[in-house]
Amino acid sequence: MVERTNVNMLFANFNQDFSCISVGTRKGYSITNCDPFGRVYTMNDGARGIVEMLFCTSLIALVGAADQPQSSPRKLQIVNTKRQSMICELLFPSSILAVKLNRKTLVIVLEVEIYIYDISNMRLLHVIETTANPEAICALSPSAENSYLAYPSPVPSPTSVLTNQASNSTRPPSSTQQSGDVLLFSTRSLTVANVIQAHKAPISFLSINSTGTLLATSSDKGTVIRVWSIPGAEKLYQFRRGTREARIYSINFNVVSSLLAVSSAHDTVHIFKLGPQKASSSKSTQQPSSPSESFDNEGTQALEGGYEAFIDERRKSGGVSSSLRRKSMQMTKSLSHSVGGYLPNTLTEMWEPSRDFAFLRLPTSGAHCIVALSGTLPQVMVISSEGYFYSYNIDLENGGECSLMKQYRFVLSIPAFLADPSSTGQFTGFFGRNFRYDGWLEYRPLFEGIISLLPLRCIIYITSYWAPRIIHYSGYCTIERMRVHTL
């Protein structure tokens, strides 16, 4: 499936407490408040491929866009939006793929290196050399007190790194093969805290909760989400997102770490409940609340698919009568409850997989979405690569399907030729055509000031002394004799 994206949007993400959204576009960047929803800051100073906030402070980390010649993806800029000042600029040997911040630490992720800085004085503390990590798979704890960095471990697990406590640089083994292991690195002591054997397949996504005590992991299969203690690396929960493989787009805990939200390429967002007990010792098998999917597995069917999925698949192929099947399933469940306490963890997980507590369906299919849980309201928030913000209400008592409450557009969706920042002069081939827009428009002739504000979002410049005819009706606009630059 082709991913649906907004041609003007290059980056979007939540801040550490999910109260704001930072957006990078081909023209600049903006900060939008989630509740109440509204833009609070905009700067049009060139394309921005990464825009990361430090909670709700005025400190912003900016990186240029790789596909824009006038901006460098190797340059990091730390700016103060309140003072409109540049704090510092750093140039790196290769493109910056991700930036992570907490109140004491700044982490810069390159393809084969991770740089750790003291954010108070921008002093370089440590450099971690990694195997190729083009997806910038990495997580930094939002907590400055329990400040841990998680990233994929190469094969084999570098046990020698655990004893390398005095080095100023952590080097990987020569192998470039990726494993399902995760390295936990303390950014305070600058030492490896633990190695987690999280999955059999390579790691695809990592997320740490607000207090730096829990780590969620997924592999590139995307069927199973596991939650581990930090720094002890004890497996606390195992959740099954689905039985079909899927690319995981985002994983986020809520602020109090009672819920875990997961978005993937399958257009359904899953919300899992973190109870007081481990998933492997749960007393009842939770039935799936989201729609079932075709059977697949991660690693082996016995470990990842779960016994319920196996029974469902056998049911489709016919065989014995339905009554005998029901009796067999009842006996199997009874047996699993009676002997579950005596089985190894892996076998218990096979019989009793944990399913989602709640779920939601996205309005459109094929968009890359980032999901988070509100810290103040029982709501699930979604950022779409199409430039939309969705807010869903979640029933904290009963779970089930979440209902869409609000929908906003935070980046204009426009025809590709209008989004091209290199476009100049008149769009002679497009005069007189109608285009659909949402938002606001500033009508700004070159030889006069701003004349009026119309319900569109683009800046229109006059390219001749003839005034353009702008006809606005039912959300459509006819544009003549002008060039258009998007906000």
Protein backbone atom coordinates (compact mmCIF):
# COMPACT_ATOMS: atom_id res chain seq x y z
CA MET A 1 0.00 0.00 0.00
CA VAL A 2 1.31 3.44 -0.93
CA GLU A 3 1.65 5.64 2.13
CA ARG A 4 -0.56 8.73 2.04
CA THR A 5 1.35 11.86 2.96
CA ASN A 6 1.02 15.62 2.85
CA VAL A 7 3.58 16.95 0.36
CA ASN A 8 4.16 20.04 2.49
CA MET A 9 4.78 18.20 5.80
CA LEU A 10 8.23 16.78 6.50
CA PHE A 11 8.01 16.00 10.23
CA ALA A 12 5.52 15.81 13.09
CA ASN A 13 5.78 14.51 16.63
CA PHE A 14 4.44 14.94 20.15
CA ASN A 15 6.55 16.47 22.90
CA GLN A 16 7.52 14.43 25.96
CA ASP A 17 4.27 14.92 27.91
CA PHE A 18 2.00 14.84 24.81
CA SER A 19 0.71 18.37 25.36
CA CYS A 20 2.04 19.84 22.09
CA ILE A 21 2.83 18.89 18.50
CA SER A 22 5.96 20.04 16.69
CA VAL A 23 5.68 20.18 12.90
CA GLY A 24 8.32 20.65 10.22
CA THR A 25 7.33 21.77 6.71
CA ARG A 26 9.03 22.83 3.50
CA LYS A 27 8.78 26.45 4.66
CA GLY A 28 9.64 26.20 8.36
CA TYR A 29 8.21 24.83 11.57
CA SER A 30 5.36 25.35 14.00
CA ILE A 31 4.20 24.39 17.49
CA THR A 32 0.57 23.45 18.10
CA ASN A 33 -1.14 22.96 21.44
CA CYS A 34 -3.20 19.76 21.74
CA ASP A 35 -5.89 20.86 24.19
CA PRO A 36 -7.31 23.29 23.39
CA PHE A 37 -6.11 22.66 19.86
CA GLY A 38 -4.41 25.66 18.28
CA ARG A 39 -1.15 26.87 16.81
CA VAL A 40 0.97 28.81 19.27
CA TYR A 41 4.17 29.44 17.29
CA THR A 42 5.23 29.58 13.64
CA MET A 43 8.57 30.32 12.01
CA ASN A 44 9.10 30.26 8.24
CA ASP A 45 12.89 30.09 8.01
CA GLY A 46 13.45 27.19 5.63
CA ALA A 47 12.65 23.51 5.36
CA ARG A 48 12.80 21.52 8.61
CA GLY A 49 13.15 17.75 8.61
CA ILE A 50 13.27 17.37 12.41
CA VAL A 51 11.60 19.60 15.02
CA GLU A 52 11.81 18.35 18.62
CA MET A 53 10.60 20.15 21.72
CA LEU A 54 11.82 19.98 25.32
CA PHE A 55 8.47 19.49 27.06
CA CYS A 56 6.63 22.86 26.84
CA THR A 57 9.72 25.04 27.14
CA SER A 58 10.91 27.51 24.53
CA LEU A 59 13.89 25.30 23.64
CA ILE A 60 13.57 23.64 20.22
CA ALA A 61 15.98 21.32 18.38
CA LEU A 62 15.93 21.83 14.59
CA VAL A 63 17.45 19.92 11.68
CA GLY A 64 17.20 20.83 8.00
CA ALA A 65 15.52 18.69 5.37
CA ALA A 66 17.59 16.24 3.36
CA ASP A 67 15.79 16.93 0.08
CA GLN A 68 16.16 20.71 0.28
CA PRO A 69 19.44 22.13 -1.12
CA GLN A 70 19.30 25.27 1.01
CA SER A 71 19.19 23.35 4.32
CA SER A 72 21.64 20.81 5.71
CA PRO A 73 20.47 17.56 7.34
CA ARG A 74 23.87 17.39 9.07
CA LYS A 75 23.37 20.61 11.04
CA LEU A 76 21.63 20.72 14.42
CA GLN A 77 20.33 24.06 15.67
CA ILE A 78 19.16 24.66 19.24
CA VAL A 79 16.95 27.76 19.37
CA ASN A 80 15.03 29.69 22.00
CA THR A 81 11.65 30.58 20.50
CA LYS A 82 10.78 33.04 23.27
CA ARG A 83 13.91 35.14 22.79
CA GLN A 84 14.08 34.46 19.04
CA SER A 85 17.74 33.51 19.48
CA MET A 86 20.11 30.76 18.40
CA ILE A 87 21.66 28.92 21.35
CA CYS A 88 24.11 26.81 19.37
CA GLU A 89 24.79 25.02 16.09
CA LEU A 90 26.46 21.64 15.70
CA LEU A 91 27.63 20.00 12.47
CA PHE A 92 27.85 16.21 12.27
CA PRO A 93 29.72 13.92 9.84
CA SER A 94 26.53 12.45 8.37
CA SER A 95 22.80 13.14 8.26
CA ILE A 96 20.98 13.46 11.58
CA LEU A 97 18.24 10.83 11.68
CA ALA A 98 16.68 11.55 15.09
CA VAL A 99 16.97 13.89 18.07
CA LYS A 100 15.94 12.93 21.62
CA LEU A 101 15.81 15.22 24.65
CA ASN A 102 15.12 15.26 28.36
CA ARG A 103 15.90 18.00 30.86
CA LYS A 104 19.52 16.93 31.25
CA THR A 105 20.43 15.06 28.09
CA LEU A 106 20.46 15.64 24.34
CA VAL A 107 20.89 12.59 22.08
CA ILE A 108 21.73 12.82 18.37
CA VAL A 109 21.22 9.65 16.32
CA LEU A 110 23.21 9.13 13.13
CA GLU A 111 23.16 5.96 11.05
CA VAL A 112 26.19 4.40 12.77
CA GLU A 113 26.74 6.68 15.78
CA ILE A 114 24.86 8.10 18.75
CA TYR A 115 26.11 11.34 20.35
CA ILE A 116 25.20 12.16 23.96
CA TYR A 117 25.41 15.78 25.19
CA ASP A 118 24.87 17.56 28.48
CA ILE A 119 22.00 19.85 27.53
CA SER A 120 22.90 22.49 30.15
CA ASN A 121 26.22 23.38 28.49
CA MET A 122 26.14 21.33 25.24
CA ARG A 123 29.27 19.44 26.28
CA LEU A 124 29.82 16.14 24.47
CA LEU A 125 29.67 13.34 27.04
CA HIS A 126 29.88 10.14 25.04
CA VAL A 127 29.80 8.65 21.56
CA ILE A 128 28.27 5.23 20.92
CA GLU A 129 29.27 3.47 17.73
CA THR A 130 26.48 1.23 16.46
CA THR A 131 25.81 -1.03 13.53
CA ALA A 132 23.80 0.51 10.69
CA ASN A 133 20.59 1.99 12.08
CA PRO A 134 18.96 3.80 9.13
CA GLU A 135 15.56 3.92 10.84
CA ALA A 136 17.06 5.65 13.91
CA ILE A 137 15.53 3.08 16.27
CA CYS A 138 16.23 4.57 19.67
CA ALA A 139 14.41 5.72 22.81
CA LEU A 140 15.45 8.15 25.55
CA SER A 141 13.72 8.31 28.90
CA PRO A 142 11.82 11.60 29.38
CA SER A 143 12.88 11.40 33.03
CA ALA A 144 16.17 13.12 33.82
CA GLU A 145 16.52 11.15 37.05
CA ASN A 146 16.11 7.68 35.47
CA SER A 147 17.77 8.67 32.23
CA TYR A 148 18.30 5.61 30.05
CA LEU A 149 18.92 5.26 26.34
CA ALA A 150 17.67 2.12 24.55
CA TYR A 151 18.90 1.07 21.12
CA PRO A 152 19.20 -2.19 19.13
CA SER A 153 22.10 -4.44 19.97
CA PRO A 154 24.12 -6.02 17.16
CA VAL A 155 24.75 -9.78 16.88
CA PRO A 156 26.06 -11.26 19.05
CA SER A 157 25.06 -9.38 22.20
CA PRO A 158 28.21 -7.41 23.06
CA THR A 159 28.83 -8.75 26.55
CA SER A 160 32.28 -7.21 26.40
CA VAL A 161 30.63 -3.78 26.40
CA LEU A 162 29.29 -4.47 29.89
CA THR A 163 32.84 -4.43 31.23
CA ASN A 164 33.93 -1.41 29.20
CA GLN A 165 33.03 1.14 31.86
CA ALA A 166 35.89 3.62 31.48
CA SER A 167 35.91 4.16 27.74
CA ASN A 168 34.70 7.43 26.21
CA SER A 169 33.31 5.53 23.23
CA THR A 170 31.25 2.34 23.02
CA ARG A 171 32.10 0.25 19.95
CA PRO A 172 29.98 -2.52 18.46
CA PRO A 173 31.32 -5.88 17.30
CA SER A 174 32.27 -6.17 13.64
CA SER A 175 29.05 -7.99 12.70
CA THR A 176 26.44 -5.84 10.97
CA GLN A 177 23.60 -8.32 11.43
CA GLN A 178 20.82 -7.01 13.66
CA SER A 179 19.32 -9.05 16.48
CA GLY A 180 16.26 -8.74 18.64
CA ASP A 181 18.37 -7.66 21.61
CA VAL A 182 18.24 -4.18 23.13
CA LEU A 183 21.03 -2.33 24.93
CA LEU A 184 20.11 -0.16 27.91
CA PHE A 185 22.61 2.64 28.38
CA SER A 186 22.65 4.96 31.38
CA THR A 187 23.20 8.54 30.24
CA ARG A 188 24.10 9.53 33.80
CA SER A 189 26.84 7.00 34.52
CA LEU A 190 27.65 6.61 30.79
CA THR A 191 27.72 2.82 31.11
CA VAL A 192 25.69 -0.05 29.70
CA ALA A 193 23.08 -0.93 32.32
CA ASN A 194 21.71 -4.12 30.79
CA VAL A 195 21.12 -6.17 27.65
CA ILE A 196 17.54 -7.31 26.99
CA GLN A 197 16.84 -10.32 24.78
CA ALA A 198 13.57 -8.81 23.63
CA HIS A 199 12.68 -10.59 20.36
CA LYS A 200 13.99 -13.16 17.92
CA ALA A 201 13.47 -10.87 14.92
CA PRO A 202 15.25 -7.48 14.57
CA ILE A 203 13.95 -4.60 16.69
CA SER A 204 11.63 -2.16 14.93
CA PHE A 205 10.50 0.24 17.67
CA LEU A 206 11.42 1.22 21.24
CA SER A 207 9.60 3.43 23.74
CA ILE A 208 10.31 4.38 27.37
CA ASN A 209 7.67 5.61 29.81
CA SER A 210 7.68 9.02 31.50
CA THR A 211 9.44 7.84 34.68
CA GLY A 212 12.13 5.82 32.92
CA THR A 213 11.06 2.55 34.54
CA LEU A 214 9.40 0.70 31.63
CA LEU A 215 10.56 -0.12 28.10
CA ALA A 216 8.20 -1.26 25.32
CA THR A 217 9.69 -3.17 22.39
CA SER A 218 8.52 -4.56 19.07
CA SER A 219 10.24 -6.48 16.30
CA ASP A 220 9.94 -6.00 12.56
CA LYS A 221 7.19 -8.64 12.59
CA GLY A 222 5.02 -6.22 14.57
CA THR A 223 2.75 -8.90 16.03
CA VAL A 224 3.94 -8.83 19.64
CA ILE A 225 4.64 -5.88 21.96
CA ARG A 226 6.64 -6.59 25.12
CA VAL A 227 7.15 -4.41 28.18
CA TRP A 228 10.29 -4.69 30.31
CA SER A 229 11.40 -3.21 33.61
CA ILE A 230 14.25 -0.69 33.60
CA PRO A 231 17.04 -1.29 34.43
CA GLY A 232 16.31 -4.84 35.64
CA ALA A 233 15.21 -6.10 32.19
CA GLU A 234 12.43 -8.26 33.64
CA LYS A 235 9.60 -9.01 31.22
CA LEU A 236 6.41 -7.63 32.77
CA TYR A 237 3.84 -7.75 29.96
CA GLN A 238 3.38 -9.31 26.55
CA PHE A 239 0.66 -8.02 24.23
CA ARG A 240 -0.48 -9.29 20.86
CA ARG A 241 -1.23 -6.45 18.44
CA GLY A 242 -2.49 -8.86 15.80
CA THR A 243 -1.62 -12.01 13.92
CA ARG A 244 -0.68 -10.36 10.63
CA GLU A 245 2.76 -8.84 10.35
CA ALA A 246 2.78 -5.05 10.27
CA ARG A 247 5.23 -2.20 10.46
CA ILE A 248 4.96 -0.44 13.82
CA TYR A 249 4.74 3.35 13.49
CA SER A 250 4.61 4.39 17.14
CA ILE A 251 4.38 3.09 20.71
CA ASN A 252 3.64 5.40 23.64
CA PHE A 253 2.76 4.94 27.31
CA ASN A 254 0.35 7.34 28.96
CA VAL A 255 1.82 9.64 31.61
CA VAL A 256 0.92 7.33 34.52
CA SER A 257 1.94 4.16 32.63
CA SER A 258 -1.43 2.44 32.94
CA LEU A 259 -2.08 2.29 29.17
CA LEU A 260 0.04 1.63 26.10
CA ALA A 261 -0.97 2.84 22.62
CA VAL A 262 0.38 1.28 19.42
CA SER A 263 -0.09 2.40 15.80
CA SER A 264 0.94 0.41 12.76
CA ALA A 265 0.50 0.19 8.99
CA HIS A 266 -2.82 -1.63 9.43
CA ASP A 267 -4.91 1.51 10.14
CA THR A 268 -6.06 0.27 13.56
CA VAL A 269 -4.65 1.77 16.75
CA HIS A 270 -4.50 -0.63 19.71
CA ILE A 271 -4.57 0.42 23.36
CA PHE A 272 -3.33 -2.11 25.91
CA LYS A 273 -3.94 -2.03 29.64
CA LEU A 274 -1.01 -2.45 32.00
CA GLY A 275 -2.37 -4.26 35.04
CA PRO A 276 -0.72 -5.02 38.38
CA GLN A 277 0.40 -8.50 37.27
CA LYS A 278 2.61 -9.89 34.54
CA ALA A 279 0.92 -10.97 31.36
CA SER A 280 2.51 -14.42 31.72
CA SER A 281 0.74 -15.00 35.05
CA SER A 282 -2.66 -13.55 34.18
CA LYS A 283 -5.68 -15.48 35.45
CA SER A 284 -7.94 -15.12 32.46
CA THR A 285 -7.61 -15.02 28.70
CA GLN A 286 -8.71 -11.66 27.33
CA GLN A 287 -10.82 -11.82 24.19
CA PRO A 288 -9.78 -9.47 21.38
CA SER A 289 -11.76 -6.24 21.17
CA SER A 290 -10.38 -5.23 17.78
CA PRO A 291 -11.25 -7.00 14.53
CA SER A 292 -9.47 -10.32 13.97
CA GLU A 293 -6.80 -10.59 11.31
CA SER A 294 -5.48 -13.42 9.14
CA PHE A 295 -3.05 -15.80 10.82
CA ASP A 296 0.67 -15.14 10.86
CA ASN A 297 3.37 -15.27 13.49
CA GLU A 298 6.61 -13.84 14.84
CA GLY A 299 9.37 -16.39 15.08
CA THR A 300 7.36 -19.55 15.89
CA GLN A 301 3.63 -20.12 16.04
CA ALA A 302 3.86 -21.74 19.46
CA LEU A 303 5.53 -18.78 21.10
CA GLU A 304 3.88 -15.84 19.37
CA GLY A 305 0.61 -16.83 17.71
CA GLY A 306 -1.16 -18.11 20.81
CA TYR A 307 -3.39 -21.13 21.24
CA GLU A 308 -6.58 -19.17 20.57
CA ALA A 309 -5.35 -18.17 17.10
CA PHE A 310 -4.48 -21.82 16.39
CA ILE A 311 -7.99 -22.94 17.36
CA ASP A 312 -9.53 -20.19 15.20
CA GLU A 313 -7.51 -21.34 12.18
CA ARG A 314 -8.44 -24.97 12.67
CA ARG A 315 -12.09 -23.99 12.96
CA LYS A 316 -12.00 -22.58 9.41
CA SER A 317 -10.69 -25.86 7.97
CA GLY A 318 -13.66 -27.93 9.15
CA GLY A 319 -13.32 -31.35 10.80
CA VAL A 320 -15.29 -32.38 13.90
CA SER A 321 -18.67 -30.94 14.76
CA SER A 322 -19.08 -27.48 16.26
CA SER A 323 -20.33 -28.90 19.57
CA LEU A 324 -17.25 -31.06 19.97
CA ARG A 325 -15.08 -28.06 19.12
CA ARG A 326 -16.78 -25.98 21.80
CA LYS A 327 -16.30 -28.78 24.35
CA SER A 328 -12.68 -29.17 23.34
CA MET A 329 -12.03 -25.45 23.73
CA GLN A 330 -13.72 -25.38 27.13
CA MET A 331 -11.65 -28.33 28.31
CA THR A 332 -8.50 -26.73 26.94
CA LYS A 333 -9.17 -23.44 28.75
CA SER A 334 -9.89 -25.30 31.98
CA LEU A 335 -6.69 -27.27 31.60
CA SER A 336 -4.66 -24.13 30.88
CA HIS A 337 -5.95 -22.47 34.06
CA SER A 338 -5.20 -25.53 36.21
CA VAL A 339 -1.68 -26.23 34.97
CA GLY A 340 -0.65 -22.74 33.87
CA GLY A 341 1.16 -22.08 37.12
CA TYR A 342 3.44 -25.05 36.52
CA LEU A 343 4.40 -24.22 32.94
CA PRO A 344 7.43 -22.20 31.82
CA ASN A 345 6.67 -18.60 30.89
CA THR A 346 6.94 -19.21 27.14
CA LEU A 347 4.33 -21.97 27.22
CA THR A 348 1.99 -19.97 29.45
CA GLU A 349 2.21 -17.02 27.02
CA MET A 350 1.32 -19.36 24.17
CA TRP A 351 -1.91 -20.41 25.90
CA GLU A 352 -2.94 -17.03 27.29
CA PRO A 353 -1.92 -14.09 25.05
CA SER A 354 -2.99 -10.62 26.16
CA ARG A 355 -5.12 -8.69 23.66
CA ASP A 356 -5.95 -5.01 23.39
CA PHE A 357 -8.17 -3.29 25.93
CA ALA A 358 -9.44 -0.72 23.43
CA PHE A 359 -8.93 0.18 19.79
CA LEU A 360 -9.81 2.77 17.18
CA ARG A 361 -10.10 2.84 13.42
CA LEU A 362 -8.50 5.67 11.49
CA PRO A 363 -10.76 7.65 9.11
CA THR A 364 -8.45 7.10 6.13
CA SER A 365 -6.30 4.19 5.06
CA GLY A 366 -2.61 4.26 4.22
CA ALA A 367 -1.43 7.20 6.34
CA HIS A 368 1.55 7.05 8.68
CA CYS A 369 0.19 7.84 12.15
CA ILE A 370 1.75 8.63 15.53
CA VAL A 371 -0.44 7.94 18.56
CA ALA A 372 -0.35 9.25 22.14
CA LEU A 373 -2.59 9.32 25.19
CA SER A 374 -3.66 12.60 26.76
CA GLY A 375 -2.27 13.33 30.20
CA THR A 376 -5.35 15.29 31.28
CA LEU A 377 -8.33 13.67 29.53
CA PRO A 378 -9.43 10.09 28.67
CA GLN A 379 -8.51 10.65 25.05
CA VAL A 380 -6.32 9.08 22.38
CA MET A 381 -4.57 11.58 20.10
CA VAL A 382 -3.39 10.75 16.59
CA ILE A 383 -1.12 12.68 14.21
CA SER A 384 -1.56 11.69 10.57
CA SER A 385 1.01 12.05 7.79
CA GLU A 386 -1.80 13.67 5.78
CA GLY A 387 -1.65 16.65 8.15
CA TYR A 388 -4.61 15.82 10.39
CA PHE A 389 -4.96 15.67 14.17
CA TYR A 390 -7.59 13.30 15.56
CA SER A 391 -8.87 13.04 19.12
CA TYR A 392 -10.75 9.92 20.23
CA ASN A 393 -12.61 9.32 23.47
CA ILE A 394 -11.64 6.14 25.33
CA ASP A 395 -13.89 4.33 27.81
CA LEU A 396 -11.52 3.65 30.71
CA GLU A 397 -14.02 1.30 32.36
CA ASN A 398 -15.09 -0.96 29.50
CA GLY A 399 -12.60 -0.33 26.70
CA GLY A 400 -13.83 -1.36 23.25
CA GLU A 401 -13.90 0.86 20.19
CA CYS A 402 -12.97 4.50 20.77
CA SER A 403 -15.19 7.21 19.31
CA LEU A 404 -13.86 10.10 17.22
CA MET A 405 -14.48 13.39 19.04
CA LYS A 406 -12.44 16.02 17.18
CA GLN A 407 -10.62 16.38 13.89
CA TYR A 408 -8.35 19.24 12.83
CA ARG A 409 -6.02 19.96 9.93
CA PHE A 410 -2.68 21.35 11.09
CA VAL A 411 -0.87 21.30 7.72
CA LEU A 412 -2.52 22.34 4.46
CA SER A 413 -2.95 19.68 1.82
CA ILE A 414 -2.35 21.28 -1.58
CA PRO A 415 -1.53 20.22 -5.13
CA ALA A 416 2.12 19.19 -5.51
CA PHE A 417 2.97 21.98 -7.97
CA LEU A 418 1.87 24.58 -5.42
CA ALA A 419 3.99 23.00 -2.69
CA ASP A 420 7.18 23.19 -4.73
CA PRO A 421 9.28 25.87 -2.99
CA SER A 422 11.32 26.43 -6.17
CA SER A 423 8.26 27.55 -8.12
CA THR A 424 8.42 31.18 -9.27
CA GLY A 425 6.58 33.38 -11.72
CA GLN A 426 3.09 32.68 -12.96
CA PHE A 427 1.43 29.27 -13.06
CA THR A 428 0.34 29.94 -16.62
CA GLY A 429 -0.86 26.40 -17.14
CA PHE A 430 -3.14 26.52 -14.14
CA PHE A 431 -4.89 29.91 -14.35
CA GLY A 432 -8.64 29.72 -14.01
CA ARG A 433 -8.63 26.27 -12.41
CA ASN A 434 -10.40 25.57 -9.13
CA PHE A 435 -8.58 24.11 -6.10
CA ARG A 436 -9.97 22.98 -2.78
CA TYR A 437 -8.34 24.44 0.36
CA ASP A 438 -8.97 24.38 4.09
CA GLY A 439 -7.76 27.04 6.53
CA TRP A 440 -6.86 30.70 5.94
CA LEU A 441 -5.27 32.78 3.23
CA GLU A 442 -3.23 35.98 3.37
CA TYR A 443 -3.70 38.11 0.25
CA ARG A 444 -0.44 40.10 0.03
CA PRO A 445 0.35 42.12 -3.18
CA LEU A 446 4.02 42.95 -3.71
CA PHE A 447 3.30 46.68 -4.00
CA GLU A 448 0.85 46.95 -1.09
CA GLY A 449 0.36 45.62 2.42
CA ILE A 450 -1.88 42.79 3.47
CA ILE A 451 -5.32 43.59 2.06
CA SER A 452 -7.55 40.89 3.47
CA LEU A 453 -7.70 37.55 5.25
CA LEU A 454 -9.68 34.87 3.46
CA PRO A 455 -10.64 31.35 4.60
CA LEU A 456 -7.73 29.58 2.89
CA ARG A 457 -4.15 28.89 3.95
CA CYS A 458 -1.52 30.07 1.47
CA ILE A 459 0.25 33.33 0.69
CA ILE A 460 -0.60 34.74 -2.73
CA TYR A 461 1.77 37.24 -4.39
CA ILE A 462 0.84 39.41 -7.37
CA THR A 463 3.12 38.79 -10.34
CA SER A 464 1.85 41.67 -12.46
CA TYR A 465 0.11 45.02 -11.95
CA TRP A 466 -3.15 43.38 -12.81
CA ALA A 467 -5.05 42.47 -9.71
CA PRO A 468 -5.87 38.75 -9.65
CA ARG A 469 -9.42 37.56 -9.60
CA ILE A 470 -10.03 35.48 -6.48
CA ILE A 471 -13.44 33.86 -6.43
CA HIS A 472 -14.27 32.09 -3.18
CA TYR A 473 -17.35 29.93 -2.97
CA SER A 474 -18.16 26.68 -1.16
CA GLY A 475 -14.53 26.24 -0.18
CA TYR A 476 -13.15 26.65 -3.71
CA CYS A 477 -10.84 29.33 -5.04
CA THR A 478 -9.97 30.37 -8.58
CA ILE A 479 -6.44 31.79 -8.85
CA GLU A 480 -5.24 33.94 -11.76
CA ARG A 481 -1.98 35.82 -12.52
CA MET A 482 -0.10 35.02 -9.33
CA ARG A 483 2.37 32.68 -7.77
CA VAL A 484 1.57 30.80 -4.58
CA HIS A 485 3.84 30.00 -1.64
CA THR A 486 2.47 27.81 1.13
CA LEU A 487 2.84 28.54 4.80
